PDB file of all heavy atoms in Angstrom:
ATOM      1  N   GLY A   1     101.620 115.327  94.092  1.00  0.00           N
ATOM      2  CA  GLY A   1     101.016 114.374  93.171  1.00  0.00           C
ATOM      3  C   GLY A   1     101.105 114.821  91.725  1.00  0.00           C
ATOM      4  O   GLY A   1     101.111 113.995  90.812  1.00  0.00           O
ATOM      5  N   ARG A   2     101.210 116.146  91.518  1.00  0.00           N
ATOM      6  CA  ARG A   2     101.335 116.649  90.151  1.00  0.00           C
ATOM      7  C   ARG A   2     102.705 116.329  89.553  1.00  0.00           C
ATOM      8  O   ARG A   2     102.891 116.440  88.334  1.00  0.00           O
ATOM      9  CB  ARG A   2     101.076 118.159  90.134  1.00  0.00           C
ATOM     10  CG  ARG A   2      99.603 118.513  90.360  1.00  0.00           C
ATOM     11  CD  ARG A   2      99.326 119.974  90.084  1.00  0.00           C
ATOM     12  NE  ARG A   2      99.696 120.819  91.201  1.00  0.00           N
ATOM     13  CZ  ARG A   2      98.883 121.152  92.199  1.00  0.00           C
ATOM     14  NH1 ARG A   2      97.644 120.695  92.217  1.00  0.00           N
ATOM     15  NH2 ARG A   2      99.296 121.942  93.166  1.00  0.00           N
ATOM     16  N   ASP A   3     103.649 115.927  90.415  1.00  0.00           N
ATOM     17  CA  ASP A   3     104.970 115.525  89.933  1.00  0.00           C
ATOM     18  C   ASP A   3     105.085 114.007  89.793  1.00  0.00           C
ATOM     19  O   ASP A   3     106.172 113.489  89.540  1.00  0.00           O
ATOM     20  CB  ASP A   3     106.065 116.028  90.894  1.00  0.00           C
ATOM     21  CG  ASP A   3     106.227 117.540  90.853  1.00  0.00           C
ATOM     22  OD1 ASP A   3     106.106 118.108  89.748  1.00  0.00           O
ATOM     23  OD2 ASP A   3     106.454 118.146  91.905  1.00  0.00           O
ATOM     24  N   VAL A   4     103.949 113.312  90.019  1.00  0.00           N
ATOM     25  CA  VAL A   4     103.933 111.844  89.909  1.00  0.00           C
ATOM     26  C   VAL A   4     103.330 111.451  88.569  1.00  0.00           C
ATOM     27  O   VAL A   4     102.283 111.961  88.173  1.00  0.00           O
ATOM     28  CB  VAL A   4     103.127 111.210  91.056  1.00  0.00           C
ATOM     29  CG1 VAL A   4     103.050 109.692  90.881  1.00  0.00           C
ATOM     30  CG2 VAL A   4     103.755 111.549  92.403  1.00  0.00           C
ATOM     31  N   THR A   5     103.999 110.550  87.890  1.00  0.00           N
ATOM     32  CA  THR A   5     103.505 110.020  86.619  1.00  0.00           C
ATOM     33  C   THR A   5     103.398 108.505  86.739  1.00  0.00           C
ATOM     34  O   THR A   5     104.323 107.846  87.224  1.00  0.00           O
ATOM     35  CB  THR A   5     104.464 110.359  85.464  1.00  0.00           C
ATOM     36  OG1 THR A   5     104.705 111.766  85.438  1.00  0.00           O
ATOM     37  CG2 THR A   5     103.874 109.922  84.127  1.00  0.00           C
ATOM     38  N   ILE A   6     102.265 107.955  86.330  1.00  0.00           N
ATOM     39  CA  ILE A   6     102.072 106.502  86.327  1.00  0.00           C
ATOM     40  C   ILE A   6     102.325 106.006  84.911  1.00  0.00           C
ATOM     41  O   ILE A   6     101.662 106.444  83.964  1.00  0.00           O
ATOM     42  CB  ILE A   6     100.653 106.118  86.778  1.00  0.00           C
ATOM     43  CG1 ILE A   6     100.312 106.764  88.126  1.00  0.00           C
ATOM     44  CG2 ILE A   6     100.525 104.599  86.862  1.00  0.00           C
ATOM     45  CD1 ILE A   6     101.176 106.342  89.274  1.00  0.00           C
ATOM     46  N   VAL A   7     103.303 105.104  84.772  1.00  0.00           N
ATOM     47  CA  VAL A   7     103.684 104.609  83.439  1.00  0.00           C
ATOM     48  C   VAL A   7     103.646 103.087  83.410  1.00  0.00           C
ATOM     49  O   VAL A   7     103.763 102.431  84.450  1.00  0.00           O
ATOM     50  CB  VAL A   7     105.104 105.103  83.061  1.00  0.00           C
ATOM     51  CG1 VAL A   7     105.152 106.618  83.029  1.00  0.00           C
ATOM     52  CG2 VAL A   7     106.148 104.549  84.025  1.00  0.00           C
ATOM     53  N   PRO A   8     103.488 102.505  82.209  1.00  0.00           N
ATOM     54  CA  PRO A   8     103.520 101.041  82.083  1.00  0.00           C
ATOM     55  C   PRO A   8     104.928 100.507  82.355  1.00  0.00           C
ATOM     56  O   PRO A   8     105.932 101.209  82.184  1.00  0.00           O
ATOM     57  CB  PRO A   8     103.116 100.800  80.624  1.00  0.00           C
ATOM     58  CG  PRO A   8     102.527 102.084  80.144  1.00  0.00           C
ATOM     59  CD  PRO A   8     103.172 103.168  80.921  1.00  0.00           C
ATOM     60  N   PHE A   9     104.985  99.263  82.750  1.00  0.00           N
ATOM     61  CA  PHE A   9     106.260  98.611  83.055  1.00  0.00           C
ATOM     62  C   PHE A   9     107.107  98.457  81.801  1.00  0.00           C
ATOM     63  O   PHE A   9     106.610  98.144  80.725  1.00  0.00           O
ATOM     64  CB  PHE A   9     105.983  97.225  83.649  1.00  0.00           C
ATOM     65  CG  PHE A   9     107.212  96.434  83.974  1.00  0.00           C
ATOM     66  CD1 PHE A   9     107.901  96.638  85.151  1.00  0.00           C
ATOM     67  CD2 PHE A   9     107.685  95.474  83.077  1.00  0.00           C
ATOM     68  CE1 PHE A   9     109.040  95.893  85.452  1.00  0.00           C
ATOM     69  CE2 PHE A   9     108.815  94.729  83.368  1.00  0.00           C
ATOM     70  CZ  PHE A   9     109.495  94.941  84.560  1.00  0.00           C
ATOM     71  N   GLU A  10     108.403  98.714  81.976  1.00  0.00           N
ATOM     72  CA  GLU A  10     109.392  98.432  80.943  1.00  0.00           C
ATOM     73  C   GLU A  10     110.557  97.713  81.608  1.00  0.00           C
ATOM     74  O   GLU A  10     110.719  97.749  82.830  1.00  0.00           O
ATOM     75  CB  GLU A  10     109.883  99.728  80.290  1.00  0.00           C
ATOM     76  CG  GLU A  10     108.807 100.502  79.541  1.00  0.00           C
ATOM     77  CD  GLU A  10     109.345 101.793  78.939  1.00  0.00           C
ATOM     78  OE1 GLU A  10     110.586 101.953  78.927  1.00  0.00           O
ATOM     79  OE2 GLU A  10     108.541 102.625  78.504  1.00  0.00           O
ATOM     80  N   GLU A  11     111.384  97.102  80.821  1.00  0.00           N
ATOM     81  CA  GLU A  11     112.501  96.314  81.357  1.00  0.00           C
ATOM     82  C   GLU A  11     113.396  97.167  82.266  1.00  0.00           C
ATOM     83  O   GLU A  11     113.944  96.659  83.259  1.00  0.00           O
ATOM     84  CB  GLU A  11     113.324  95.729  80.207  1.00  0.00           C
ATOM     85  CG  GLU A  11     114.462  94.816  80.667  1.00  0.00           C
ATOM     86  CD  GLU A  11     113.988  93.627  81.490  1.00  0.00           C
ATOM     87  OE1 GLU A  11     112.873  93.119  81.230  1.00  0.00           O
ATOM     88  OE2 GLU A  11     114.735  93.214  82.403  1.00  0.00           O
ATOM     89  N   GLN A  12     113.511  98.435  81.958  1.00  0.00           N
ATOM     90  CA  GLN A  12     114.381  99.309  82.776  1.00  0.00           C
ATOM     91  C   GLN A  12     113.884  99.467  84.211  1.00  0.00           C
ATOM     92  O   GLN A  12     114.638  99.887  85.096  1.00  0.00           O
ATOM     93  CB  GLN A  12     114.484 100.688  82.129  1.00  0.00           C
ATOM     94  CG  GLN A  12     113.141 101.420  82.040  1.00  0.00           C
ATOM     95  CD  GLN A  12     113.268 102.807  81.456  1.00  0.00           C
ATOM     96  OE1 GLN A  12     114.134 103.578  81.856  1.00  0.00           O
ATOM     97  NE2 GLN A  12     112.417 103.123  80.480  1.00  0.00           N
ATOM     98  N   TYR A  13     112.619  99.086  84.454  1.00  0.00           N
ATOM     99  CA  TYR A  13     112.070  99.208  85.800  1.00  0.00           C
ATOM    100  C   TYR A  13     112.079  97.879  86.557  1.00  0.00           C
ATOM    101  O   TYR A  13     111.548  97.800  87.671  1.00  0.00           O
ATOM    102  CB  TYR A  13     110.637  99.740  85.736  1.00  0.00           C
ATOM    103  CG  TYR A  13     110.520 101.093  85.062  1.00  0.00           C
ATOM    104  CD1 TYR A  13     109.613 101.294  84.024  1.00  0.00           C
ATOM    105  CD2 TYR A  13     111.313 102.161  85.464  1.00  0.00           C
ATOM    106  CE1 TYR A  13     109.498 102.524  83.398  1.00  0.00           C
ATOM    107  CE2 TYR A  13     111.213 103.401  84.847  1.00  0.00           C
ATOM    108  CZ  TYR A  13     110.306 103.574  83.815  1.00  0.00           C
ATOM    109  OH  TYR A  13     110.211 104.803  83.198  1.00  0.00           O
ATOM    110  N   SER A  14     112.669  96.846  85.991  1.00  0.00           N
ATOM    111  CA  SER A  14     112.701  95.530  86.633  1.00  0.00           C
ATOM    112  C   SER A  14     113.373  95.595  88.001  1.00  0.00           C
ATOM    113  O   SER A  14     112.884  95.018  88.988  1.00  0.00           O
ATOM    114  CB  SER A  14     113.436  94.514  85.757  1.00  0.00           C
ATOM    115  OG  SER A  14     112.725  94.274  84.568  1.00  0.00           O
ATOM    116  N   LYS A  15     114.497  96.285  88.060  1.00  0.00           N
ATOM    117  CA  LYS A  15     115.239  96.379  89.316  1.00  0.00           C
ATOM    118  C   LYS A  15     114.409  97.101  90.376  1.00  0.00           C
ATOM    119  O   LYS A  15     114.341  96.663  91.540  1.00  0.00           O
ATOM    120  CB  LYS A  15     116.557  97.114  89.087  1.00  0.00           C
ATOM    121  CG  LYS A  15     117.422  97.218  90.331  1.00  0.00           C
ATOM    122  CD  LYS A  15     118.727  97.957  90.039  1.00  0.00           C
ATOM    123  CE  LYS A  15     119.578  98.092  91.303  1.00  0.00           C
ATOM    124  NZ  LYS A  15     120.832  98.852  91.064  1.00  0.00           N
ATOM    125  N   ALA A  16     113.773  98.203  90.001  1.00  0.00           N
ATOM    126  CA  ALA A  16     112.955  98.962  90.954  1.00  0.00           C
ATOM    127  C   ALA A  16     111.768  98.122  91.419  1.00  0.00           C
ATOM    128  O   ALA A  16     111.426  98.139  92.614  1.00  0.00           O
ATOM    129  CB  ALA A  16     112.460 100.258  90.317  1.00  0.00           C
ATOM    130  N   PHE A  17     111.138  97.377  90.514  1.00  0.00           N
ATOM    131  CA  PHE A  17     109.994  96.533  90.869  1.00  0.00           C
ATOM    132  C   PHE A  17     110.399  95.521  91.937  1.00  0.00           C
ATOM    133  O   PHE A  17     109.690  95.318  92.929  1.00  0.00           O
ATOM    134  CB  PHE A  17     109.472  95.816  89.620  1.00  0.00           C
ATOM    135  CG  PHE A  17     108.295  94.916  89.878  1.00  0.00           C
ATOM    136  CD1 PHE A  17     107.102  95.429  90.361  1.00  0.00           C
ATOM    137  CD2 PHE A  17     108.387  93.552  89.618  1.00  0.00           C
ATOM    138  CE1 PHE A  17     106.011  94.592  90.597  1.00  0.00           C
ATOM    139  CE2 PHE A  17     107.306  92.715  89.852  1.00  0.00           C
ATOM    140  CZ  PHE A  17     106.116  93.245  90.337  1.00  0.00           C
ATOM    141  N   ARG A  18     111.556  94.919  91.749  1.00  0.00           N
ATOM    142  CA  ARG A  18     112.023  93.918  92.713  1.00  0.00           C
ATOM    143  C   ARG A  18     112.442  94.576  94.023  1.00  0.00           C
ATOM    144  O   ARG A  18     112.015  94.162  95.109  1.00  0.00           O
ATOM    145  CB  ARG A  18     113.194  93.123  92.133  1.00  0.00           C
ATOM    146  CG  ARG A  18     113.609  91.944  93.007  1.00  0.00           C
ATOM    147  CD  ARG A  18     114.838  91.239  92.465  1.00  0.00           C
ATOM    148  NE  ARG A  18     114.995  89.940  93.064  1.00  0.00           N
ATOM    149  CZ  ARG A  18     115.435  89.709  94.308  1.00  0.00           C
ATOM    150  NH1 ARG A  18     115.769  90.737  95.084  1.00  0.00           N
ATOM    151  NH2 ARG A  18     115.539  88.483  94.772  1.00  0.00           N
ATOM    152  N   GLU A  19     113.275  95.603  93.951  1.00  0.00           N
ATOM    153  CA  GLU A  19     113.836  96.193  95.164  1.00  0.00           C
ATOM    154  C   GLU A  19     112.777  96.850  96.041  1.00  0.00           C
ATOM    155  O   GLU A  19     112.833  96.746  97.276  1.00  0.00           O
ATOM    156  CB  GLU A  19     114.932  97.198  94.791  1.00  0.00           C
ATOM    157  CG  GLU A  19     116.191  96.540  94.233  1.00  0.00           C
ATOM    158  CD  GLU A  19     117.280  97.553  93.913  1.00  0.00           C
ATOM    159  OE1 GLU A  19     116.985  98.776  93.942  1.00  0.00           O
ATOM    160  OE2 GLU A  19     118.422  97.119  93.650  1.00  0.00           O
ATOM    161  N   LEU A  20     111.837  97.536  95.433  1.00  0.00           N
ATOM    162  CA  LEU A  20     110.794  98.186  96.224  1.00  0.00           C
ATOM    163  C   LEU A  20     109.943  97.163  96.967  1.00  0.00           C
ATOM    164  O   LEU A  20     109.583  97.351  98.135  1.00  0.00           O
ATOM    165  CB  LEU A  20     109.908  99.055  95.326  1.00  0.00           C
ATOM    166  CG  LEU A  20     110.539 100.351  94.812  1.00  0.00           C
ATOM    167  CD1 LEU A  20     109.670 100.993  93.740  1.00  0.00           C
ATOM    168  CD2 LEU A  20     110.761 101.326  95.961  1.00  0.00           C
ATOM    169  N   ASN A  21     109.626  96.044  96.300  1.00  0.00           N
ATOM    170  CA  ASN A  21     108.820  95.014  96.942  1.00  0.00           C
ATOM    171  C   ASN A  21     109.597  94.259  98.011  1.00  0.00           C
ATOM    172  O   ASN A  21     109.065  93.964  99.084  1.00  0.00           O
ATOM    173  CB  ASN A  21     108.279  94.039  95.894  1.00  0.00           C
ATOM    174  CG  ASN A  21     106.912  94.457  95.379  1.00  0.00           C
ATOM    175  OD1 ASN A  21     105.901  94.313  96.054  1.00  0.00           O
ATOM    176  ND2 ASN A  21     106.903  94.992  94.164  1.00  0.00           N
ATOM    177  N   VAL A  22     110.857  93.950  97.733  1.00  0.00           N
ATOM    178  CA  VAL A  22     111.677  93.246  98.730  1.00  0.00           C
ATOM    179  C   VAL A  22     111.815  94.111  99.980  1.00  0.00           C
ATOM    180  O   VAL A  22     111.716  93.618 101.114  1.00  0.00           O
ATOM    181  CB  VAL A  22     113.069  92.898  98.151  1.00  0.00           C
ATOM    182  CG1 VAL A  22     114.003  92.417  99.262  1.00  0.00           C
ATOM    183  CG2 VAL A  22     112.939  91.824  97.079  1.00  0.00           C
ATOM    184  N   GLU A  23     112.052  95.412  99.769  1.00  0.00           N
ATOM    185  CA  GLU A  23     112.183  96.327 100.905  1.00  0.00           C
ATOM    186  C   GLU A  23     110.908  96.354 101.730  1.00  0.00           C
ATOM    187  O   GLU A  23     110.943  96.271 102.970  1.00  0.00           O
ATOM    188  CB  GLU A  23     112.505  97.734 100.399  1.00  0.00           C
ATOM    189  CG  GLU A  23     112.639  98.773 101.504  1.00  0.00           C
ATOM    190  CD  GLU A  23     112.905 100.173 100.965  1.00  0.00           C
ATOM    191  OE1 GLU A  23     112.438 100.475  99.846  1.00  0.00           O
ATOM    192  OE2 GLU A  23     113.565 100.956 101.665  1.00  0.00           O
ATOM    193  N   TRP A  24     109.771  96.452 101.061  1.00  0.00           N
ATOM    194  CA  TRP A  24     108.487  96.544 101.766  1.00  0.00           C
ATOM    195  C   TRP A  24     108.158  95.241 102.492  1.00  0.00           C
ATOM    196  O   TRP A  24     107.805  95.246 103.681  1.00  0.00           O
ATOM    197  CB  TRP A  24     107.385  96.884 100.770  1.00  0.00           C
ATOM    198  CG  TRP A  24     106.033  96.966 101.425  1.00  0.00           C
ATOM    199  CD1 TRP A  24     105.490  98.039 102.058  1.00  0.00           C
ATOM    200  CD2 TRP A  24     105.072  95.912 101.528  1.00  0.00           C
ATOM    201  NE1 TRP A  24     104.251  97.724 102.556  1.00  0.00           N
ATOM    202  CE2 TRP A  24     103.971  96.430 102.248  1.00  0.00           C
ATOM    203  CE3 TRP A  24     105.039  94.591 101.095  1.00  0.00           C
ATOM    204  CZ2 TRP A  24     102.841  95.656 102.539  1.00  0.00           C
ATOM    205  CZ3 TRP A  24     103.913  93.830 101.394  1.00  0.00           C
ATOM    206  CH2 TRP A  24     102.830  94.366 102.098  1.00  0.00           C
ATOM    207  N   ILE A  25     108.251  94.110 101.779  1.00  0.00           N
ATOM    208  CA  ILE A  25     107.899  92.821 102.388  1.00  0.00           C
ATOM    209  C   ILE A  25     108.827  92.498 103.556  1.00  0.00           C
ATOM    210  O   ILE A  25     108.385  92.073 104.630  1.00  0.00           O
ATOM    211  CB  ILE A  25     107.950  91.695 101.332  1.00  0.00           C
ATOM    212  CG1 ILE A  25     106.877  91.925 100.262  1.00  0.00           C
ATOM    213  CG2 ILE A  25     107.737  90.322 101.996  1.00  0.00           C
ATOM    214  CD1 ILE A  25     107.007  91.026  99.049  1.00  0.00           C
ATOM    215  N   SER A  26     110.126  92.715 103.370  1.00  0.00           N
ATOM    216  CA  SER A  26     111.101  92.375 104.412  1.00  0.00           C
ATOM    217  C   SER A  26     110.959  93.252 105.650  1.00  0.00           C
ATOM    218  O   SER A  26     111.367  92.854 106.742  1.00  0.00           O
ATOM    219  CB  SER A  26     112.528  92.500 103.860  1.00  0.00           C
ATOM    220  OG  SER A  26     112.715  91.635 102.754  1.00  0.00           O
ATOM    221  N   THR A  27     110.393  94.441 105.491  1.00  0.00           N
ATOM    222  CA  THR A  27     110.199  95.328 106.634  1.00  0.00           C
ATOM    223  C   THR A  27     109.180  94.762 107.608  1.00  0.00           C
ATOM    224  O   THR A  27     109.329  94.891 108.832  1.00  0.00           O
ATOM    225  CB  THR A  27     109.743  96.722 106.170  1.00  0.00           C
ATOM    226  OG1 THR A  27     110.755  97.299 105.350  1.00  0.00           O
ATOM    227  CG2 THR A  27     109.472  97.645 107.360  1.00  0.00           C
ATOM    228  N   TYR A  28     108.156  94.102 107.082  1.00  0.00           N
ATOM    229  CA  TYR A  28     107.060  93.630 107.925  1.00  0.00           C
ATOM    230  C   TYR A  28     106.977  92.107 108.041  1.00  0.00           C
ATOM    231  O   TYR A  28     106.493  91.597 109.047  1.00  0.00           O
ATOM    232  CB  TYR A  28     105.724  94.164 107.379  1.00  0.00           C
ATOM    233  CG  TYR A  28     105.640  95.660 107.367  1.00  0.00           C
ATOM    234  CD1 TYR A  28     105.880  96.385 106.207  1.00  0.00           C
ATOM    235  CD2 TYR A  28     105.332  96.364 108.529  1.00  0.00           C
ATOM    236  CE1 TYR A  28     105.791  97.780 106.197  1.00  0.00           C
ATOM    237  CE2 TYR A  28     105.249  97.754 108.527  1.00  0.00           C
ATOM    238  CZ  TYR A  28     105.479  98.448 107.364  1.00  0.00           C
ATOM    239  OH  TYR A  28     105.406  99.823 107.363  1.00  0.00           O
ATOM    240  N   PHE A  29     107.423  91.407 106.992  1.00  0.00           N
ATOM    241  CA  PHE A  29     107.242  89.960 106.957  1.00  0.00           C
ATOM    242  C   PHE A  29     108.539  89.295 106.481  1.00  0.00           C
ATOM    243  O   PHE A  29     109.616  89.831 106.708  1.00  0.00           O
ATOM    244  CB  PHE A  29     106.075  89.595 106.020  1.00  0.00           C
ATOM    245  CG  PHE A  29     104.815  90.361 106.302  1.00  0.00           C
ATOM    246  CD1 PHE A  29     104.427  91.438 105.506  1.00  0.00           C
ATOM    247  CD2 PHE A  29     104.006  90.026 107.384  1.00  0.00           C
ATOM    248  CE1 PHE A  29     103.278  92.161 105.775  1.00  0.00           C
ATOM    249  CE2 PHE A  29     102.848  90.738 107.660  1.00  0.00           C
ATOM    250  CZ  PHE A  29     102.489  91.806 106.845  1.00  0.00           C
ATOM    251  N   LYS A  30     108.408  88.155 105.836  1.00  0.00           N
ATOM    252  CA  LYS A  30     109.545  87.487 105.228  1.00  0.00           C
ATOM    253  C   LYS A  30     109.187  87.143 103.792  1.00  0.00           C
ATOM    254  O   LYS A  30     108.018  86.903 103.456  1.00  0.00           O
ATOM    255  CB  LYS A  30     109.916  86.225 106.004  1.00  0.00           C
ATOM    256  CG  LYS A  30     108.861  85.132 105.968  1.00  0.00           C
ATOM    257  CD  LYS A  30     109.324  83.881 106.715  1.00  0.00           C
ATOM    258  CE  LYS A  30     108.254  82.784 106.623  1.00  0.00           C
ATOM    259  NZ  LYS A  30     108.667  81.550 107.322  1.00  0.00           N
ATOM    260  N   MET A  31     110.178  87.144 102.951  1.00  0.00           N
ATOM    261  CA  MET A  31     109.956  86.801 101.545  1.00  0.00           C
ATOM    262  C   MET A  31     109.549  85.332 101.429  1.00  0.00           C
ATOM    263  O   MET A  31     110.091  84.461 102.115  1.00  0.00           O
ATOM    264  CB  MET A  31     111.230  87.055 100.746  1.00  0.00           C
ATOM    265  CG  MET A  31     111.600  88.520 100.618  1.00  0.00           C
ATOM    266  SD  MET A  31     110.548  89.396  99.428  1.00  0.00           S
ATOM    267  CE  MET A  31     111.108  88.648  97.886  1.00  0.00           C
ATOM    268  N   GLU A  32     108.575  85.053 100.536  1.00  0.00           N
ATOM    269  CA  GLU A  32     108.117  83.686 100.310  1.00  0.00           C
ATOM    270  C   GLU A  32     108.397  83.291  98.859  1.00  0.00           C
ATOM    271  O   GLU A  32     108.715  84.127  98.012  1.00  0.00           O
ATOM    272  CB  GLU A  32     106.618  83.583 100.631  1.00  0.00           C
ATOM    273  CG  GLU A  32     106.284  83.947 102.078  1.00  0.00           C
ATOM    274  CD  GLU A  32     104.794  83.865 102.385  1.00  0.00           C
ATOM    275  OE1 GLU A  32     104.131  82.935 101.854  1.00  0.00           O
ATOM    276  OE2 GLU A  32     104.284  84.703 103.140  1.00  0.00           O
ATOM    277  N   GLU A  33     108.255  82.018  98.580  1.00  0.00           N
ATOM    278  CA  GLU A  33     108.587  81.493  97.252  1.00  0.00           C
ATOM    279  C   GLU A  33     107.796  82.190  96.154  1.00  0.00           C
ATOM    280  O   GLU A  33     108.331  82.526  95.097  1.00  0.00           O
ATOM    281  CB  GLU A  33     108.328  79.983  97.206  1.00  0.00           C
ATOM    282  CG  GLU A  33     108.666  79.323  95.870  1.00  0.00           C
ATOM    283  CD  GLU A  33     110.128  79.509  95.475  1.00  0.00           C
ATOM    284  OE1 GLU A  33     110.993  79.603  96.379  1.00  0.00           O
ATOM    285  OE2 GLU A  33     110.407  79.597  94.260  1.00  0.00           O
ATOM    286  N   LYS A  34     106.517  82.426  96.400  1.00  0.00           N
ATOM    287  CA  LYS A  34     105.688  83.085  95.395  1.00  0.00           C
ATOM    288  C   LYS A  34     106.196  84.500  95.110  1.00  0.00           C
ATOM    289  O   LYS A  34     106.083  85.005  93.990  1.00  0.00           O
ATOM    290  CB  LYS A  34     104.230  83.148  95.869  1.00  0.00           C
ATOM    291  CG  LYS A  34     103.519  81.812  95.867  1.00  0.00           C
ATOM    292  CD  LYS A  34     103.092  81.396  94.484  1.00  0.00           C
ATOM    293  CE  LYS A  34     101.960  82.256  93.970  1.00  0.00           C
ATOM    294  NZ  LYS A  34     101.473  81.830  92.636  1.00  0.00           N
ATOM    295  N   ASP A  35     106.763  85.156  96.129  1.00  0.00           N
ATOM    296  CA  ASP A  35     107.323  86.487  95.934  1.00  0.00           C
ATOM    297  C   ASP A  35     108.498  86.435  94.968  1.00  0.00           C
ATOM    298  O   ASP A  35     108.587  87.237  94.028  1.00  0.00           O
ATOM    299  CB  ASP A  35     107.793  87.076  97.268  1.00  0.00           C
ATOM    300  CG  ASP A  35     106.655  87.329  98.241  1.00  0.00           C
ATOM    301  OD1 ASP A  35     105.627  87.860  97.808  1.00  0.00           O
ATOM    302  OD2 ASP A  35     106.813  86.985  99.419  1.00  0.00           O
TER     303      ASP A  35
END
């Protein structure tokens, strides 16, 4: 945890924001329009 840093969102993290959520949601459920 000492190697983890929590930072505010920037445009460079857009891809990670999408991919991490798609991976998680698709593992258990299905993507919905609101997603």
